[in-house]
Amino acid sequence: MIVSKAAGYGIRALAYLASQVEGRPCGLREIAEFEQIPPAYLGKVLGELRRHHLLRSTKGKHGGYQLARPPEDITLWEVILLLEPDLDLDTCILGYGVCSSRSACSLDEDWQRLRIGLVRLLQNSTVSQIAVFADTHPAGEVV
């Protein structure tokens, strides 16, 4: 599964904020520039994250965005569900619609195991883990 741009941008922005000195607010343009994300798109994503209480924001010269919770308490799964409300992991890997026991193809059993593993991975992975990686790999860098 490849996450949507919104979810990817949200995770990257949260990781950037997690890598900052605790309590230092970061402006939208700063985050957008470092992460190479279009500012207008990032503004919408950050607004959603703020609305769901993952971010705090303050206005003014020294304002910006800050994490509202510790980064080790924010899972990637939580961010993805907030930014991809129509996430559908039950869709056939081959594009034949929704998988069911009545219409399962030969890949269904393996695909279900992969989906379950992916969800577990995202549920057990946190923004703090991504922040460690992001700190050493600037956006746009090929790994």
N, C-alpha and C. Protein backbone atom coordinates (compact mmCIF):
# COMPACT_ATOMS: atom_id res chain seq x y z
N MET A 1 0.85 -1.18 0.00
CA MET A 1 0.00 0.00 0.00
C MET A 1 0.88 1.23 0.00
N ILE A 2 0.56 2.15 -0.83
CA ILE A 2 1.23 3.44 -0.83
C ILE A 2 0.24 4.44 -0.26
N VAL A 3 0.69 5.19 0.74
CA VAL A 3 -0.23 6.15 1.36
C VAL A 3 -0.44 7.35 0.45
N SER A 4 -1.51 8.06 0.68
CA SER A 4 -1.81 9.25 -0.11
C SER A 4 -0.75 10.33 0.14
N LYS A 5 -0.72 11.30 -0.74
CA LYS A 5 0.19 12.43 -0.55
C LYS A 5 -0.08 13.12 0.78
N ALA A 6 -1.35 13.30 1.10
CA ALA A 6 -1.70 13.98 2.35
C ALA A 6 -1.13 13.24 3.55
N ALA A 7 -1.29 11.93 3.59
CA ALA A 7 -0.78 11.14 4.73
C ALA A 7 0.75 11.18 4.76
N GLY A 8 1.38 11.05 3.62
CA GLY A 8 2.84 11.11 3.57
C GLY A 8 3.36 12.47 4.02
N TYR A 9 2.73 13.52 3.53
CA TYR A 9 3.13 14.87 3.93
C TYR A 9 2.90 15.09 5.43
N GLY A 10 1.77 14.58 5.92
CA GLY A 10 1.47 14.72 7.35
C GLY A 10 2.50 14.04 8.22
N ILE A 11 2.87 12.83 7.85
CA ILE A 11 3.88 12.09 8.61
C ILE A 11 5.22 12.81 8.56
N ARG A 12 5.60 13.28 7.38
CA ARG A 12 6.88 13.99 7.25
C ARG A 12 6.89 15.28 8.06
N ALA A 13 5.78 16.02 8.06
CA ALA A 13 5.71 17.27 8.82
C ALA A 13 5.79 16.99 10.32
N LEU A 14 5.07 15.97 10.78
CA LEU A 14 5.12 15.60 12.19
C LEU A 14 6.53 15.16 12.58
N ALA A 15 7.17 14.41 11.72
CA ALA A 15 8.54 13.96 12.00
C ALA A 15 9.50 15.15 12.07
N TYR A 16 9.30 16.12 11.18
CA TYR A 16 10.15 17.32 11.22
C TYR A 16 9.96 18.05 12.55
N LEU A 17 8.72 18.22 12.96
CA LEU A 17 8.45 18.89 14.24
C LEU A 17 9.02 18.09 15.41
N ALA A 18 8.95 16.78 15.32
CA ALA A 18 9.49 15.93 16.39
C ALA A 18 11.01 16.05 16.50
N SER A 19 11.65 16.39 15.40
CA SER A 19 13.12 16.48 15.41
C SER A 19 13.63 17.83 15.90
N GLN A 20 12.73 18.76 16.16
CA GLN A 20 13.12 20.10 16.61
C GLN A 20 13.33 20.12 18.13
N VAL A 21 14.03 21.14 18.58
CA VAL A 21 14.20 21.35 20.01
C VAL A 21 12.81 21.45 20.62
N GLU A 22 12.57 20.71 21.70
CA GLU A 22 11.24 20.67 22.31
C GLU A 22 10.71 22.07 22.60
N GLY A 23 9.50 22.30 22.13
CA GLY A 23 8.86 23.57 22.41
C GLY A 23 9.08 24.63 21.35
N ARG A 24 9.99 24.41 20.39
CA ARG A 24 10.25 25.41 19.36
C ARG A 24 9.18 25.32 18.28
N PRO A 25 8.38 26.39 18.15
CA PRO A 25 7.38 26.39 17.07
C PRO A 25 8.05 26.57 15.71
N CYS A 26 7.51 25.90 14.71
CA CYS A 26 8.04 25.99 13.35
C CYS A 26 6.95 26.51 12.43
N GLY A 27 7.30 27.44 11.59
CA GLY A 27 6.36 27.99 10.64
C GLY A 27 6.09 27.07 9.48
N LEU A 28 4.95 27.27 8.85
CA LEU A 28 4.54 26.48 7.71
C LEU A 28 5.59 26.51 6.61
N ARG A 29 6.09 27.68 6.30
CA ARG A 29 7.07 27.80 5.21
C ARG A 29 8.36 27.06 5.54
N GLU A 30 8.77 27.11 6.79
CA GLU A 30 9.98 26.40 7.21
C GLU A 30 9.82 24.89 6.97
N ILE A 31 8.70 24.36 7.41
CA ILE A 31 8.44 22.93 7.25
C ILE A 31 8.34 22.58 5.76
N ALA A 32 7.58 23.38 5.03
CA ALA A 32 7.38 23.12 3.60
C ALA A 32 8.71 23.15 2.85
N GLU A 33 9.54 24.12 3.17
CA GLU A 33 10.82 24.23 2.47
C GLU A 33 11.73 23.04 2.80
N PHE A 34 11.86 22.71 4.07
CA PHE A 34 12.73 21.61 4.46
C PHE A 34 12.25 20.28 3.88
N GLU A 35 10.94 20.06 3.93
CA GLU A 35 10.37 18.79 3.47
C GLU A 35 10.00 18.79 1.99
N GLN A 36 10.20 19.92 1.32
CA GLN A 36 9.89 20.06 -0.11
C GLN A 36 8.43 19.67 -0.39
N ILE A 37 7.54 20.31 0.36
CA ILE A 37 6.10 20.10 0.22
C ILE A 37 5.48 21.43 -0.20
N PRO A 38 4.57 21.43 -1.18
CA PRO A 38 3.90 22.68 -1.56
C PRO A 38 3.22 23.31 -0.34
N PRO A 39 3.53 24.58 -0.04
CA PRO A 39 2.99 25.23 1.17
C PRO A 39 1.47 25.22 1.27
N ALA A 40 0.76 25.45 0.17
CA ALA A 40 -0.70 25.48 0.23
C ALA A 40 -1.26 24.12 0.63
N TYR A 41 -0.70 23.07 0.06
CA TYR A 41 -1.14 21.70 0.38
C TYR A 41 -0.80 21.39 1.83
N LEU A 42 0.42 21.74 2.25
CA LEU A 42 0.84 21.49 3.62
C LEU A 42 -0.05 22.22 4.61
N GLY A 43 -0.46 23.43 4.29
CA GLY A 43 -1.35 24.19 5.17
C GLY A 43 -2.64 23.44 5.45
N LYS A 44 -3.21 22.80 4.43
CA LYS A 44 -4.44 22.02 4.61
C LYS A 44 -4.17 20.80 5.49
N VAL A 45 -3.05 20.14 5.25
CA VAL A 45 -2.71 18.95 6.03
C VAL A 45 -2.48 19.32 7.49
N LEU A 46 -1.73 20.38 7.73
CA LEU A 46 -1.46 20.81 9.10
C LEU A 46 -2.75 21.24 9.80
N GLY A 47 -3.64 21.86 9.05
CA GLY A 47 -4.94 22.24 9.62
C GLY A 47 -5.73 21.03 10.09
N GLU A 48 -5.71 19.95 9.31
CA GLU A 48 -6.39 18.71 9.72
C GLU A 48 -5.74 18.11 10.96
N LEU A 49 -4.41 18.11 10.99
CA LEU A 49 -3.70 17.55 12.14
C LEU A 49 -3.97 18.38 13.41
N ARG A 50 -4.09 19.68 13.22
CA ARG A 50 -4.42 20.55 14.36
C ARG A 50 -5.85 20.31 14.83
N ARG A 51 -6.74 20.17 13.89
CA ARG A 51 -8.16 19.93 14.20
C ARG A 51 -8.34 18.62 14.98
N HIS A 52 -7.47 17.66 14.72
CA HIS A 52 -7.54 16.37 15.42
C HIS A 52 -6.58 16.29 16.61
N HIS A 53 -6.09 17.44 17.02
CA HIS A 53 -5.29 17.57 18.26
C HIS A 53 -3.94 16.86 18.23
N LEU A 54 -3.35 16.73 17.04
CA LEU A 54 -1.99 16.22 16.97
C LEU A 54 -1.00 17.38 16.96
N LEU A 55 -1.48 18.56 16.59
CA LEU A 55 -0.66 19.77 16.54
C LEU A 55 -1.33 20.89 17.32
N ARG A 56 -0.49 21.82 17.79
CA ARG A 56 -0.94 23.10 18.33
C ARG A 56 -0.34 24.16 17.41
N SER A 57 -1.03 25.26 17.31
CA SER A 57 -0.46 26.36 16.54
C SER A 57 -0.67 27.67 17.29
N THR A 58 0.30 28.55 17.10
CA THR A 58 0.19 29.90 17.66
C THR A 58 0.49 30.88 16.55
N LYS A 59 -0.20 32.01 16.61
CA LYS A 59 -0.01 33.04 15.59
C LYS A 59 1.02 34.04 16.07
N GLY A 60 1.49 34.82 15.14
CA GLY A 60 2.41 35.89 15.49
C GLY A 60 3.83 35.64 15.03
N LYS A 61 4.67 36.63 15.29
CA LYS A 61 6.05 36.62 14.83
C LYS A 61 6.82 35.37 15.29
N HIS A 62 6.58 34.96 16.52
CA HIS A 62 7.29 33.81 17.06
C HIS A 62 6.38 32.57 17.15
N GLY A 63 5.33 32.58 16.36
CA GLY A 63 4.37 31.48 16.37
C GLY A 63 4.77 30.36 15.43
N GLY A 64 3.88 29.44 15.26
CA GLY A 64 4.11 28.31 14.38
C GLY A 64 3.41 27.07 14.91
N TYR A 65 3.87 25.93 14.41
CA TYR A 65 3.27 24.65 14.79
C TYR A 65 4.19 23.90 15.74
N GLN A 66 3.55 23.16 16.66
CA GLN A 66 4.24 22.30 17.60
C GLN A 66 3.43 21.02 17.75
N LEU A 67 4.08 19.95 18.13
CA LEU A 67 3.36 18.72 18.42
C LEU A 67 2.51 18.92 19.68
N ALA A 68 1.31 18.40 19.65
CA ALA A 68 0.43 18.50 20.81
C ALA A 68 0.60 17.31 21.75
N ARG A 69 1.26 16.27 21.26
CA ARG A 69 1.51 15.07 22.06
C ARG A 69 2.95 14.62 21.82
N PRO A 70 3.49 13.84 22.71
CA PRO A 70 4.84 13.32 22.48
C PRO A 70 4.88 12.48 21.20
N PRO A 71 5.95 12.60 20.41
CA PRO A 71 6.02 11.89 19.13
C PRO A 71 5.97 10.37 19.28
N GLU A 72 6.41 9.85 20.42
CA GLU A 72 6.36 8.40 20.63
C GLU A 72 4.93 7.92 20.91
N ASP A 73 4.00 8.85 21.11
CA ASP A 73 2.60 8.50 21.34
C ASP A 73 1.73 8.66 20.09
N ILE A 74 2.33 9.09 18.99
CA ILE A 74 1.58 9.28 17.74
C ILE A 74 2.00 8.19 16.77
N THR A 75 1.08 7.28 16.46
CA THR A 75 1.42 6.20 15.54
C THR A 75 1.18 6.63 14.09
N LEU A 76 1.88 5.99 13.19
CA LEU A 76 1.69 6.27 11.76
C LEU A 76 0.27 5.88 11.34
N TRP A 77 -0.24 4.82 11.94
CA TRP A 77 -1.60 4.37 11.64
C TRP A 77 -2.61 5.45 11.97
N GLU A 78 -2.45 6.09 13.13
CA GLU A 78 -3.35 7.16 13.54
C GLU A 78 -3.33 8.30 12.52
N VAL A 79 -2.15 8.69 12.08
CA VAL A 79 -2.02 9.79 11.12
C VAL A 79 -2.67 9.40 9.79
N ILE A 80 -2.41 8.19 9.34
CA ILE A 80 -2.97 7.74 8.07
C ILE A 80 -4.50 7.72 8.14
N LEU A 81 -5.05 7.20 9.22
CA LEU A 81 -6.52 7.16 9.33
C LEU A 81 -7.13 8.56 9.37
N LEU A 82 -6.43 9.52 9.99
CA LEU A 82 -6.94 10.88 10.04
C LEU A 82 -6.92 11.54 8.66
N LEU A 83 -5.87 11.28 7.90
CA LEU A 83 -5.69 11.98 6.62
C LEU A 83 -6.19 11.19 5.41
N GLU A 84 -6.54 9.92 5.63
CA GLU A 84 -7.11 9.08 4.57
C GLU A 84 -8.40 8.45 5.09
N PRO A 85 -9.45 9.24 5.24
CA PRO A 85 -10.68 8.71 5.83
C PRO A 85 -11.32 7.60 5.00
N ASP A 86 -11.00 7.52 3.72
CA ASP A 86 -11.59 6.50 2.85
C ASP A 86 -10.64 5.33 2.60
N LEU A 87 -9.68 5.14 3.48
CA LEU A 87 -8.70 4.06 3.34
C LEU A 87 -9.44 2.73 3.23
N ASP A 88 -9.13 1.97 2.20
CA ASP A 88 -9.81 0.70 1.97
C ASP A 88 -8.77 -0.39 1.75
N LEU A 89 -8.50 -1.14 2.79
CA LEU A 89 -7.53 -2.23 2.68
C LEU A 89 -8.19 -3.55 2.29
N ASP A 90 -9.50 -3.55 2.11
CA ASP A 90 -10.19 -4.79 1.74
C ASP A 90 -10.33 -4.93 0.22
N THR A 91 -9.84 -3.96 -0.52
CA THR A 91 -9.93 -4.03 -1.97
C THR A 91 -8.94 -5.05 -2.52
N CYS A 92 -9.36 -5.78 -3.51
CA CYS A 92 -8.54 -6.80 -4.15
C CYS A 92 -7.24 -6.20 -4.68
N ILE A 93 -6.15 -6.88 -4.46
CA ILE A 93 -4.84 -6.42 -4.95
C ILE A 93 -4.81 -6.35 -6.47
N LEU A 94 -5.67 -7.12 -7.12
CA LEU A 94 -5.73 -7.14 -8.58
C LEU A 94 -6.76 -6.16 -9.14
N GLY A 95 -7.48 -5.48 -8.24
CA GLY A 95 -8.46 -4.49 -8.69
C GLY A 95 -9.83 -5.04 -9.00
N TYR A 96 -10.15 -6.22 -8.48
CA TYR A 96 -11.45 -6.83 -8.74
C TYR A 96 -12.52 -6.48 -7.74
N GLY A 97 -12.32 -5.45 -6.96
CA GLY A 97 -13.33 -5.04 -5.99
C GLY A 97 -12.96 -5.49 -4.59
N VAL A 98 -13.99 -5.65 -3.75
CA VAL A 98 -13.78 -6.02 -2.35
C VAL A 98 -13.60 -7.53 -2.25
N CYS A 99 -12.55 -7.93 -1.54
CA CYS A 99 -12.30 -9.35 -1.32
C CYS A 99 -13.31 -9.92 -0.34
N SER A 100 -13.75 -11.12 -0.59
CA SER A 100 -14.63 -11.82 0.35
C SER A 100 -14.34 -13.31 0.23
N SER A 101 -14.81 -14.06 1.19
CA SER A 101 -14.56 -15.51 1.15
C SER A 101 -15.24 -16.16 -0.05
N ARG A 102 -16.34 -15.55 -0.52
CA ARG A 102 -17.06 -16.11 -1.68
C ARG A 102 -16.37 -15.82 -3.00
N SER A 103 -15.66 -14.69 -3.06
CA SER A 103 -15.05 -14.30 -4.34
C SER A 103 -13.54 -14.18 -4.25
N ALA A 104 -12.93 -14.95 -3.37
CA ALA A 104 -11.49 -14.85 -3.16
C ALA A 104 -10.72 -15.47 -4.33
N CYS A 105 -9.71 -14.75 -4.77
CA CYS A 105 -8.83 -15.29 -5.81
C CYS A 105 -7.67 -16.04 -5.13
N SER A 106 -6.78 -16.57 -5.90
CA SER A 106 -5.69 -17.37 -5.34
C SER A 106 -4.70 -16.54 -4.53
N LEU A 107 -4.72 -15.21 -4.65
CA LEU A 107 -3.82 -14.36 -3.88
C LEU A 107 -4.42 -13.87 -2.58
N ASP A 108 -5.71 -14.12 -2.37
CA ASP A 108 -6.42 -13.54 -1.24
C ASP A 108 -5.78 -13.86 0.11
N GLU A 109 -5.46 -15.11 0.36
CA GLU A 109 -4.90 -15.49 1.66
C GLU A 109 -3.59 -14.76 1.94
N ASP A 110 -2.71 -14.73 0.95
CA ASP A 110 -1.43 -14.03 1.12
C ASP A 110 -1.64 -12.52 1.27
N TRP A 111 -2.56 -11.97 0.50
CA TRP A 111 -2.84 -10.54 0.56
C TRP A 111 -3.39 -10.17 1.93
N GLN A 112 -4.25 -11.01 2.48
CA GLN A 112 -4.79 -10.73 3.82
C GLN A 112 -3.67 -10.73 4.86
N ARG A 113 -2.75 -11.67 4.78
CA ARG A 113 -1.62 -11.70 5.72
C ARG A 113 -0.77 -10.44 5.58
N LEU A 114 -0.55 -10.01 4.35
CA LEU A 114 0.22 -8.77 4.12
C LEU A 114 -0.50 -7.56 4.68
N ARG A 115 -1.80 -7.46 4.46
CA ARG A 115 -2.58 -6.34 4.99
C ARG A 115 -2.52 -6.30 6.51
N ILE A 116 -2.71 -7.43 7.14
CA ILE A 116 -2.66 -7.50 8.60
C ILE A 116 -1.28 -7.09 9.09
N GLY A 117 -0.23 -7.58 8.44
CA GLY A 117 1.14 -7.22 8.82
C GLY A 117 1.41 -5.74 8.64
N LEU A 118 0.90 -5.18 7.55
CA LEU A 118 1.10 -3.76 7.29
C LEU A 118 0.41 -2.90 8.35
N VAL A 119 -0.81 -3.24 8.67
CA VAL A 119 -1.54 -2.48 9.69
C VAL A 119 -0.82 -2.58 11.03
N ARG A 120 -0.37 -3.76 11.39
CA ARG A 120 0.38 -3.92 12.65
C ARG A 120 1.65 -3.07 12.64
N LEU A 121 2.36 -3.08 11.53
CA LEU A 121 3.58 -2.28 11.41
C LEU A 121 3.27 -0.80 11.64
N LEU A 122 2.24 -0.30 10.99
CA LEU A 122 1.86 1.11 11.12
C LEU A 122 1.34 1.43 12.51
N GLN A 123 0.65 0.48 13.14
CA GLN A 123 0.15 0.69 14.50
C GLN A 123 1.28 0.71 15.52
N ASN A 124 2.37 0.03 15.21
CA ASN A 124 3.50 -0.06 16.14
C ASN A 124 4.65 0.88 15.79
N SER A 125 4.50 1.66 14.74
CA SER A 125 5.53 2.62 14.33
C SER A 125 5.07 4.02 14.70
N THR A 126 6.00 4.80 15.22
CA THR A 126 5.62 6.13 15.70
C THR A 126 6.34 7.24 14.96
N VAL A 127 5.84 8.43 15.14
CA VAL A 127 6.44 9.62 14.56
C VAL A 127 7.88 9.79 15.06
N SER A 128 8.14 9.42 16.31
CA SER A 128 9.50 9.56 16.84
C SER A 128 10.48 8.67 16.07
N GLN A 129 10.05 7.50 15.63
CA GLN A 129 10.91 6.62 14.85
C GLN A 129 11.22 7.23 13.48
N ILE A 130 10.23 7.85 12.88
CA ILE A 130 10.43 8.49 11.58
C ILE A 130 11.31 9.72 11.74
N ALA A 131 11.16 10.44 12.85
CA ALA A 131 11.96 11.64 13.10
C ALA A 131 13.44 11.32 13.14
N VAL A 132 13.81 10.20 13.71
CA VAL A 132 15.22 9.79 13.76
C VAL A 132 15.75 9.60 12.35
N PHE A 133 14.96 8.94 11.50
CA PHE A 133 15.36 8.73 10.11
C PHE A 133 15.40 10.05 9.36
N ALA A 134 14.36 10.87 9.50
CA ALA A 134 14.24 12.14 8.78
C ALA A 134 15.37 13.09 9.15
N ASP A 135 15.82 13.01 10.39
CA ASP A 135 16.91 13.86 10.86
C ASP A 135 18.20 13.62 10.08
N THR A 136 18.40 12.40 9.62
CA THR A 136 19.63 12.05 8.92
C THR A 136 19.46 11.92 7.41
N HIS A 137 18.24 12.07 6.90
CA HIS A 137 17.97 11.96 5.47
C HIS A 137 17.06 13.11 5.02
N PRO A 138 17.65 14.19 4.51
CA PRO A 138 16.83 15.32 4.05
C PRO A 138 15.83 14.90 2.98
N ALA A 139 14.71 15.60 2.93
CA ALA A 139 13.68 15.33 1.91
C ALA A 139 14.30 15.38 0.53
N GLY A 140 13.88 14.47 -0.31
CA GLY A 140 14.37 14.45 -1.68
C GLY A 140 15.63 13.61 -1.85
N GLU A 141 16.27 13.25 -0.74
CA GLU A 141 17.47 12.44 -0.83
C GLU A 141 17.11 10.99 -1.15
N VAL A 142 17.82 10.41 -2.10
CA VAL A 142 17.58 9.02 -2.46
C VAL A 142 18.30 8.16 -1.44
N VAL A 143 17.56 7.20 -0.89
CA VAL A 143 18.13 6.32 0.13
C VAL A 143 18.47 4.99 -0.45
